[in-house]
């Protein structure tokens, strides 16, 4: 088992500082949240290199604040998906082993699951297609 230090644990640290701290404290893995990476302005490729040099496993956690990939609001849905695609691109540049992306959520208390299944399928296909385009493959985890 590899225990990871998550960037949400030390939000005041930059992702680079978090990686250094994880190594110093003896963690075997680190989880970088996309939103914290973006706020830091750090280069994903350089950060991934640092993680590998420290022999840490890396996971990337996609954005989660105020987004919904299956929102009934088309603008929110588009922006949410764009952020997840950016997160997947960053994870590829960092050579992350795992990328954690969330499914969509209901927009209201009276929503029915059947109304969201087509959007959920479209989102899953979009992510899988982007993973293939990036050369990571959505099925690599099973290899």
N, C-alpha and C. Protein backbone atom coordinates (compact mmCIF):
# COMPACT_ATOMS: atom_id res chain seq x y z
N UNK A 1 0.85 -1.17 0.00
CA UNK A 1 0.00 0.00 0.00
C UNK A 1 0.89 1.24 0.00
N UNK A 2 0.48 2.23 -0.76
CA UNK A 2 1.18 3.50 -0.79
C UNK A 2 0.28 4.57 -0.19
N UNK A 3 0.75 5.21 0.84
CA UNK A 3 -0.01 6.29 1.47
C UNK A 3 0.43 7.60 0.81
N UNK A 4 -0.55 8.37 0.37
CA UNK A 4 -0.26 9.62 -0.35
C UNK A 4 -0.55 10.83 0.52
N UNK A 5 0.26 11.85 0.37
CA UNK A 5 0.00 13.14 0.97
C UNK A 5 -0.76 13.97 -0.06
N UNK A 6 -1.95 14.43 0.30
CA UNK A 6 -2.79 15.18 -0.63
C UNK A 6 -2.53 16.67 -0.52
N UNK A 7 -2.55 17.34 -1.66
CA UNK A 7 -2.32 18.78 -1.66
C UNK A 7 -3.42 19.54 -0.93
N UNK A 8 -4.57 18.93 -0.72
CA UNK A 8 -5.61 19.62 0.06
C UNK A 8 -5.29 19.60 1.54
N UNK A 9 -4.42 18.69 1.97
CA UNK A 9 -4.01 18.62 3.36
C UNK A 9 -3.20 19.84 3.75
N UNK A 10 -2.37 20.31 2.82
CA UNK A 10 -1.48 21.44 3.07
C UNK A 10 -1.74 22.52 2.01
N UNK A 11 -2.93 23.06 2.02
CA UNK A 11 -3.35 24.02 0.98
C UNK A 11 -2.47 25.25 0.89
N UNK A 12 -1.80 25.60 1.96
CA UNK A 12 -0.96 26.80 1.92
C UNK A 12 0.38 26.52 1.24
N UNK A 13 0.67 25.25 0.95
CA UNK A 13 1.89 24.87 0.27
C UNK A 13 1.66 24.88 -1.24
N UNK A 14 2.68 25.24 -1.98
CA UNK A 14 2.61 25.08 -3.43
C UNK A 14 2.74 23.58 -3.72
N UNK A 15 2.33 23.14 -4.90
CA UNK A 15 2.50 21.72 -5.22
C UNK A 15 3.96 21.27 -5.10
N UNK A 16 4.91 22.11 -5.51
CA UNK A 16 6.32 21.75 -5.37
C UNK A 16 6.73 21.58 -3.91
N UNK A 17 6.25 22.48 -3.05
CA UNK A 17 6.54 22.36 -1.63
C UNK A 17 5.91 21.09 -1.05
N UNK A 18 4.72 20.77 -1.53
CA UNK A 18 4.04 19.55 -1.07
C UNK A 18 4.86 18.31 -1.43
N UNK A 19 5.38 18.27 -2.65
CA UNK A 19 6.19 17.14 -3.09
C UNK A 19 7.43 17.01 -2.21
N UNK A 20 8.10 18.12 -1.95
CA UNK A 20 9.28 18.10 -1.08
C UNK A 20 8.92 17.61 0.33
N UNK A 21 7.80 18.08 0.84
CA UNK A 21 7.35 17.68 2.18
C UNK A 21 6.99 16.20 2.23
N UNK A 22 6.31 15.72 1.19
CA UNK A 22 5.96 14.30 1.15
C UNK A 22 7.21 13.43 1.22
N UNK A 23 8.22 13.81 0.46
CA UNK A 23 9.48 13.04 0.49
C UNK A 23 10.12 13.12 1.88
N UNK A 24 10.19 14.30 2.43
CA UNK A 24 10.84 14.50 3.73
C UNK A 24 10.14 13.73 4.84
N UNK A 25 8.80 13.64 4.77
CA UNK A 25 8.03 12.95 5.80
C UNK A 25 7.93 11.44 5.57
N UNK A 26 8.46 10.97 4.46
CA UNK A 26 8.48 9.53 4.20
C UNK A 26 7.24 8.97 3.51
N UNK A 27 6.42 9.82 2.94
CA UNK A 27 5.28 9.34 2.16
C UNK A 27 5.80 8.65 0.90
N UNK A 28 5.00 7.75 0.36
CA UNK A 28 5.39 7.04 -0.86
C UNK A 28 4.67 7.56 -2.09
N UNK A 29 3.72 8.47 -1.87
CA UNK A 29 2.92 8.99 -2.98
C UNK A 29 2.44 10.39 -2.63
N UNK A 30 2.03 11.10 -3.67
CA UNK A 30 1.50 12.44 -3.50
C UNK A 30 0.31 12.61 -4.44
N UNK A 31 -0.71 13.33 -3.95
CA UNK A 31 -1.88 13.63 -4.77
C UNK A 31 -1.95 15.13 -4.97
N UNK A 32 -1.96 15.55 -6.22
CA UNK A 32 -2.04 16.96 -6.56
C UNK A 32 -3.45 17.26 -7.07
N UNK A 33 -4.13 18.20 -6.43
CA UNK A 33 -5.44 18.63 -6.90
C UNK A 33 -5.24 19.66 -8.00
N UNK A 34 -5.94 19.49 -9.09
CA UNK A 34 -5.79 20.37 -10.26
C UNK A 34 -5.98 21.83 -9.92
N UNK A 35 -6.99 22.13 -9.14
CA UNK A 35 -7.27 23.54 -8.83
C UNK A 35 -6.10 24.20 -8.10
N UNK A 36 -5.44 23.46 -7.23
CA UNK A 36 -4.29 24.00 -6.51
C UNK A 36 -3.09 24.14 -7.44
N UNK A 37 -2.94 23.21 -8.37
CA UNK A 37 -1.88 23.32 -9.37
C UNK A 37 -2.09 24.57 -10.21
N UNK A 38 -3.30 24.78 -10.69
CA UNK A 38 -3.59 25.93 -11.53
C UNK A 38 -3.36 27.23 -10.77
N UNK A 39 -3.77 27.29 -9.52
CA UNK A 39 -3.60 28.50 -8.73
C UNK A 39 -2.12 28.81 -8.51
N UNK A 40 -1.30 27.77 -8.45
CA UNK A 40 0.13 27.96 -8.18
C UNK A 40 0.88 28.48 -9.41
N UNK A 41 0.39 28.14 -10.59
CA UNK A 41 1.09 28.51 -11.82
C UNK A 41 2.30 27.64 -12.12
N UNK A 42 2.49 26.58 -11.34
CA UNK A 42 3.64 25.70 -11.57
C UNK A 42 3.46 24.92 -12.86
N UNK A 43 4.59 24.59 -13.49
CA UNK A 43 4.58 23.82 -14.72
C UNK A 43 4.33 22.35 -14.41
N UNK A 44 3.28 21.75 -14.98
CA UNK A 44 2.99 20.35 -14.70
C UNK A 44 4.14 19.40 -15.07
N UNK A 45 4.80 19.65 -16.19
CA UNK A 45 5.90 18.78 -16.59
C UNK A 45 7.05 18.80 -15.59
N UNK A 46 7.42 19.99 -15.14
CA UNK A 46 8.50 20.13 -14.16
C UNK A 46 8.11 19.51 -12.82
N UNK A 47 6.85 19.67 -12.45
CA UNK A 47 6.38 19.09 -11.19
C UNK A 47 6.43 17.56 -11.27
N UNK A 48 5.98 17.01 -12.38
CA UNK A 48 6.02 15.56 -12.55
C UNK A 48 7.44 15.03 -12.50
N UNK A 49 8.36 15.75 -13.09
CA UNK A 49 9.77 15.34 -13.06
C UNK A 49 10.28 15.31 -11.62
N UNK A 50 9.93 16.32 -10.84
CA UNK A 50 10.34 16.37 -9.44
C UNK A 50 9.78 15.18 -8.66
N UNK A 51 8.52 14.85 -8.92
CA UNK A 51 7.89 13.71 -8.25
C UNK A 51 8.65 12.42 -8.58
N UNK A 52 8.97 12.23 -9.86
CA UNK A 52 9.69 11.02 -10.27
C UNK A 52 11.10 10.97 -9.67
N UNK A 53 11.78 12.11 -9.62
CA UNK A 53 13.12 12.16 -9.04
C UNK A 53 13.11 11.78 -7.56
N UNK A 54 12.01 12.03 -6.90
CA UNK A 54 11.88 11.70 -5.48
C UNK A 54 11.31 10.29 -5.29
N UNK A 55 11.09 9.59 -6.40
CA UNK A 55 10.58 8.22 -6.38
C UNK A 55 9.23 8.11 -5.66
N UNK A 56 8.38 9.09 -5.90
CA UNK A 56 7.03 9.08 -5.34
C UNK A 56 6.03 8.68 -6.42
N UNK A 57 4.99 7.98 -6.04
CA UNK A 57 3.87 7.75 -6.95
C UNK A 57 3.05 9.03 -7.00
N UNK A 58 2.38 9.26 -8.11
CA UNK A 58 1.63 10.50 -8.29
C UNK A 58 0.22 10.23 -8.76
N UNK A 59 -0.72 10.87 -8.08
CA UNK A 59 -2.09 10.88 -8.57
C UNK A 59 -2.51 12.34 -8.72
N UNK A 60 -3.40 12.56 -9.65
CA UNK A 60 -3.95 13.90 -9.88
C UNK A 60 -5.44 13.82 -9.62
N UNK A 61 -5.93 14.76 -8.85
CA UNK A 61 -7.36 14.83 -8.55
C UNK A 61 -7.94 15.97 -9.36
N UNK A 62 -8.89 15.67 -10.19
CA UNK A 62 -9.53 16.68 -11.03
C UNK A 62 -10.23 17.73 -10.20
N UNK A 63 -10.63 18.80 -10.85
CA UNK A 63 -11.31 19.89 -10.14
C UNK A 63 -12.63 19.43 -9.55
N UNK A 64 -13.03 20.09 -8.48
CA UNK A 64 -14.28 19.67 -7.84
C UNK A 64 -15.12 20.84 -7.33
N UNK A 65 -14.61 22.03 -7.39
CA UNK A 65 -15.34 23.17 -6.84
C UNK A 65 -16.26 23.80 -7.88
N UNK A 66 -17.54 23.83 -7.58
CA UNK A 66 -18.53 24.54 -8.40
C UNK A 66 -18.58 24.06 -9.84
N UNK A 67 -18.34 22.78 -10.07
CA UNK A 67 -18.45 22.25 -11.42
C UNK A 67 -19.40 21.06 -11.43
N UNK A 68 -19.92 20.77 -12.60
CA UNK A 68 -20.84 19.64 -12.75
C UNK A 68 -20.87 19.25 -14.22
N UNK A 69 -20.24 18.13 -14.54
CA UNK A 69 -20.11 17.70 -15.94
C UNK A 69 -21.42 17.24 -16.56
N UNK A 70 -22.47 17.08 -15.75
CA UNK A 70 -23.78 16.72 -16.30
C UNK A 70 -24.84 17.78 -15.98
N UNK A 71 -24.40 18.98 -15.68
CA UNK A 71 -25.33 20.06 -15.33
C UNK A 71 -26.37 20.26 -16.43
N UNK A 72 -27.56 20.61 -16.01
CA UNK A 72 -28.61 20.97 -16.97
C UNK A 72 -28.28 22.30 -17.64
N UNK A 73 -27.45 23.12 -17.00
CA UNK A 73 -27.01 24.38 -17.56
C UNK A 73 -25.85 24.07 -18.51
N UNK A 74 -26.07 24.28 -19.80
CA UNK A 74 -25.07 23.91 -20.81
C UNK A 74 -23.74 24.63 -20.61
N UNK A 75 -23.77 25.87 -20.17
CA UNK A 75 -22.53 26.62 -19.94
C UNK A 75 -21.70 26.02 -18.82
N UNK A 76 -22.35 25.67 -17.73
CA UNK A 76 -21.65 25.04 -16.61
C UNK A 76 -21.12 23.68 -17.03
N UNK A 77 -21.93 22.94 -17.77
CA UNK A 77 -21.52 21.61 -18.26
C UNK A 77 -20.28 21.73 -19.14
N UNK A 78 -20.27 22.67 -20.08
CA UNK A 78 -19.12 22.86 -20.98
C UNK A 78 -17.87 23.24 -20.20
N UNK A 79 -17.98 24.21 -19.31
CA UNK A 79 -16.82 24.66 -18.53
C UNK A 79 -16.30 23.53 -17.63
N UNK A 80 -17.20 22.79 -17.03
CA UNK A 80 -16.79 21.67 -16.17
C UNK A 80 -16.00 20.64 -16.97
N UNK A 81 -16.50 20.29 -18.12
CA UNK A 81 -15.81 19.31 -18.97
C UNK A 81 -14.47 19.85 -19.45
N UNK A 82 -14.42 21.13 -19.78
CA UNK A 82 -13.16 21.73 -20.22
C UNK A 82 -12.12 21.66 -19.11
N UNK A 83 -12.54 21.90 -17.88
CA UNK A 83 -11.60 21.82 -16.77
C UNK A 83 -11.11 20.39 -16.55
N UNK A 84 -11.99 19.42 -16.71
CA UNK A 84 -11.56 18.03 -16.56
C UNK A 84 -10.60 17.62 -17.67
N UNK A 85 -10.84 18.10 -18.88
CA UNK A 85 -9.92 17.79 -19.98
C UNK A 85 -8.56 18.45 -19.72
N UNK A 86 -8.56 19.66 -19.19
CA UNK A 86 -7.29 20.31 -18.84
C UNK A 86 -6.58 19.51 -17.75
N UNK A 87 -7.32 19.03 -16.79
CA UNK A 87 -6.74 18.23 -15.71
C UNK A 87 -6.11 16.95 -16.26
N UNK A 88 -6.78 16.33 -17.21
CA UNK A 88 -6.26 15.11 -17.83
C UNK A 88 -4.98 15.41 -18.62
N UNK A 89 -4.96 16.53 -19.32
CA UNK A 89 -3.74 16.95 -20.04
C UNK A 89 -2.58 17.19 -19.07
N UNK A 90 -2.86 17.89 -17.97
CA UNK A 90 -1.82 18.15 -16.98
C UNK A 90 -1.30 16.84 -16.38
N UNK A 91 -2.22 15.93 -16.09
CA UNK A 91 -1.82 14.64 -15.52
C UNK A 91 -0.93 13.87 -16.50
N UNK A 92 -1.24 13.98 -17.78
CA UNK A 92 -0.41 13.33 -18.79
C UNK A 92 0.98 13.95 -18.80
N UNK A 93 1.06 15.27 -18.74
CA UNK A 93 2.35 15.95 -18.72
C UNK A 93 3.15 15.59 -17.47
N UNK A 94 2.46 15.33 -16.37
CA UNK A 94 3.13 14.97 -15.12
C UNK A 94 3.46 13.47 -15.05
N UNK A 95 2.92 12.71 -16.02
CA UNK A 95 3.06 11.25 -16.03
C UNK A 95 2.47 10.63 -14.76
N UNK A 96 1.31 11.14 -14.38
CA UNK A 96 0.62 10.63 -13.19
C UNK A 96 0.16 9.19 -13.42
N UNK A 97 0.17 8.42 -12.35
CA UNK A 97 -0.27 7.04 -12.43
C UNK A 97 -1.78 6.92 -12.35
N UNK A 98 -2.40 7.84 -11.65
CA UNK A 98 -3.84 7.80 -11.43
C UNK A 98 -4.41 9.20 -11.61
N UNK A 99 -5.57 9.27 -12.24
CA UNK A 99 -6.31 10.53 -12.35
C UNK A 99 -7.70 10.27 -11.81
N UNK A 100 -8.11 11.07 -10.86
CA UNK A 100 -9.41 10.91 -10.23
C UNK A 100 -10.34 12.00 -10.76
N UNK A 101 -11.36 11.57 -11.49
CA UNK A 101 -12.35 12.50 -12.04
C UNK A 101 -13.73 12.10 -11.53
N UNK A 102 -14.52 13.08 -11.18
CA UNK A 102 -15.84 12.82 -10.61
C UNK A 102 -16.92 12.78 -11.68
N UNK A 103 -17.96 11.99 -11.42
CA UNK A 103 -19.12 12.02 -12.31
C UNK A 103 -19.93 13.28 -12.04
N UNK A 104 -20.91 13.48 -12.83
CA UNK A 104 -21.77 14.63 -12.64
C UNK A 104 -22.72 14.44 -11.46
N UNK A 105 -23.49 15.47 -11.21
CA UNK A 105 -24.44 15.44 -10.10
C UNK A 105 -25.78 16.01 -10.57
N UNK A 106 -26.80 15.69 -9.81
CA UNK A 106 -28.10 16.27 -10.11
C UNK A 106 -28.02 17.78 -9.95
N UNK A 107 -28.82 18.47 -10.73
CA UNK A 107 -28.88 19.92 -10.63
C UNK A 107 -29.91 20.37 -9.60
N UNK A 108 -30.88 19.52 -9.30
CA UNK A 108 -31.93 19.87 -8.35
C UNK A 108 -32.48 18.65 -7.65
N UNK A 109 -33.23 18.87 -6.62
CA UNK A 109 -33.74 17.77 -5.79
C UNK A 109 -34.80 16.92 -6.49
N UNK A 110 -35.40 17.42 -7.57
CA UNK A 110 -36.45 16.67 -8.26
C UNK A 110 -35.92 15.98 -9.53
N UNK A 111 -34.63 16.04 -9.75
CA UNK A 111 -34.04 15.42 -10.95
C UNK A 111 -34.12 13.90 -10.85
N UNK A 112 -34.20 13.28 -12.02
CA UNK A 112 -34.26 11.81 -12.10
C UNK A 112 -32.98 11.32 -12.76
N UNK A 113 -32.46 10.22 -12.26
CA UNK A 113 -31.21 9.66 -12.77
C UNK A 113 -31.28 9.40 -14.28
N UNK A 114 -32.41 8.92 -14.76
CA UNK A 114 -32.55 8.60 -16.19
C UNK A 114 -32.33 9.83 -17.08
N UNK A 115 -32.61 11.00 -16.55
CA UNK A 115 -32.42 12.22 -17.34
C UNK A 115 -30.95 12.58 -17.51
N UNK A 116 -30.10 12.04 -16.65
CA UNK A 116 -28.68 12.38 -16.67
C UNK A 116 -27.81 11.32 -17.33
N UNK A 117 -28.37 10.14 -17.56
CA UNK A 117 -27.57 9.05 -18.13
C UNK A 117 -27.01 9.40 -19.50
N UNK A 118 -27.76 10.01 -20.41
CA UNK A 118 -27.16 10.37 -21.71
C UNK A 118 -25.97 11.32 -21.58
N UNK A 119 -26.08 12.32 -20.70
CA UNK A 119 -24.97 13.25 -20.49
C UNK A 119 -23.78 12.55 -19.84
N UNK A 120 -24.06 11.63 -18.92
CA UNK A 120 -22.99 10.90 -18.26
C UNK A 120 -22.24 10.03 -19.27
N UNK A 121 -22.97 9.39 -20.16
CA UNK A 121 -22.33 8.58 -21.21
C UNK A 121 -21.48 9.45 -22.13
N UNK A 122 -22.03 10.59 -22.52
CA UNK A 122 -21.29 11.51 -23.39
C UNK A 122 -20.01 11.98 -22.71
N UNK A 123 -20.10 12.30 -21.43
CA UNK A 123 -18.93 12.74 -20.67
C UNK A 123 -17.89 11.61 -20.60
N UNK A 124 -18.32 10.40 -20.28
CA UNK A 124 -17.40 9.27 -20.17
C UNK A 124 -16.72 8.99 -21.51
N UNK A 125 -17.46 9.10 -22.59
CA UNK A 125 -16.88 8.90 -23.92
C UNK A 125 -15.88 10.00 -24.26
N UNK A 126 -16.21 11.23 -23.87
CA UNK A 126 -15.30 12.35 -24.13
C UNK A 126 -13.98 12.16 -23.37
N UNK A 127 -14.05 11.78 -22.11
CA UNK A 127 -12.85 11.55 -21.31
C UNK A 127 -12.04 10.39 -21.89
N UNK A 128 -12.70 9.29 -22.23
CA UNK A 128 -11.99 8.14 -22.80
C UNK A 128 -11.33 8.51 -24.12
N UNK A 129 -12.03 9.27 -24.95
CA UNK A 129 -11.47 9.71 -26.23
C UNK A 129 -10.25 10.60 -26.03
N UNK A 130 -10.34 11.50 -25.07
CA UNK A 130 -9.20 12.39 -24.80
C UNK A 130 -8.02 11.59 -24.23
N UNK A 131 -8.30 10.63 -23.39
CA UNK A 131 -7.22 9.80 -22.85
C UNK A 131 -6.52 9.04 -23.97
N UNK A 132 -7.28 8.54 -24.91
CA UNK A 132 -6.69 7.84 -26.06
C UNK A 132 -5.86 8.81 -26.90
N UNK A 133 -6.41 10.01 -27.13
CA UNK A 133 -5.69 11.01 -27.92
C UNK A 133 -4.36 11.38 -27.26
N UNK A 134 -4.37 11.47 -25.94
CA UNK A 134 -3.16 11.82 -25.20
C UNK A 134 -2.19 10.65 -25.08
N UNK A 135 -2.64 9.47 -25.48
CA UNK A 135 -1.77 8.30 -25.42
C UNK A 135 -1.76 7.61 -24.07
N UNK A 136 -2.68 7.98 -23.21
CA UNK A 136 -2.72 7.36 -21.89
C UNK A 136 -3.65 6.17 -21.86
N UNK A 137 -4.74 6.26 -22.57
CA UNK A 137 -5.71 5.17 -22.64
C UNK A 137 -6.50 5.03 -21.35
N UNK A 138 -7.79 5.07 -21.48
CA UNK A 138 -8.65 4.93 -20.31
C UNK A 138 -8.61 3.52 -19.75
N UNK A 139 -8.12 2.57 -20.53
CA UNK A 139 -8.11 1.18 -20.08
C UNK A 139 -6.76 0.75 -19.53
N UNK A 140 -5.77 1.64 -19.49
CA UNK A 140 -4.45 1.27 -19.03
C UNK A 140 -4.42 0.75 -17.61
N UNK A 141 -5.35 1.18 -16.77
CA UNK A 141 -5.36 0.76 -15.38
C UNK A 141 -5.56 -0.75 -15.25
N UNK A 142 -6.16 -1.36 -16.26
CA UNK A 142 -6.43 -2.79 -16.22
C UNK A 142 -5.33 -3.60 -16.87
N UNK A 143 -4.32 -2.96 -17.43
CA UNK A 143 -3.25 -3.67 -18.11
C UNK A 143 -2.27 -4.29 -17.14
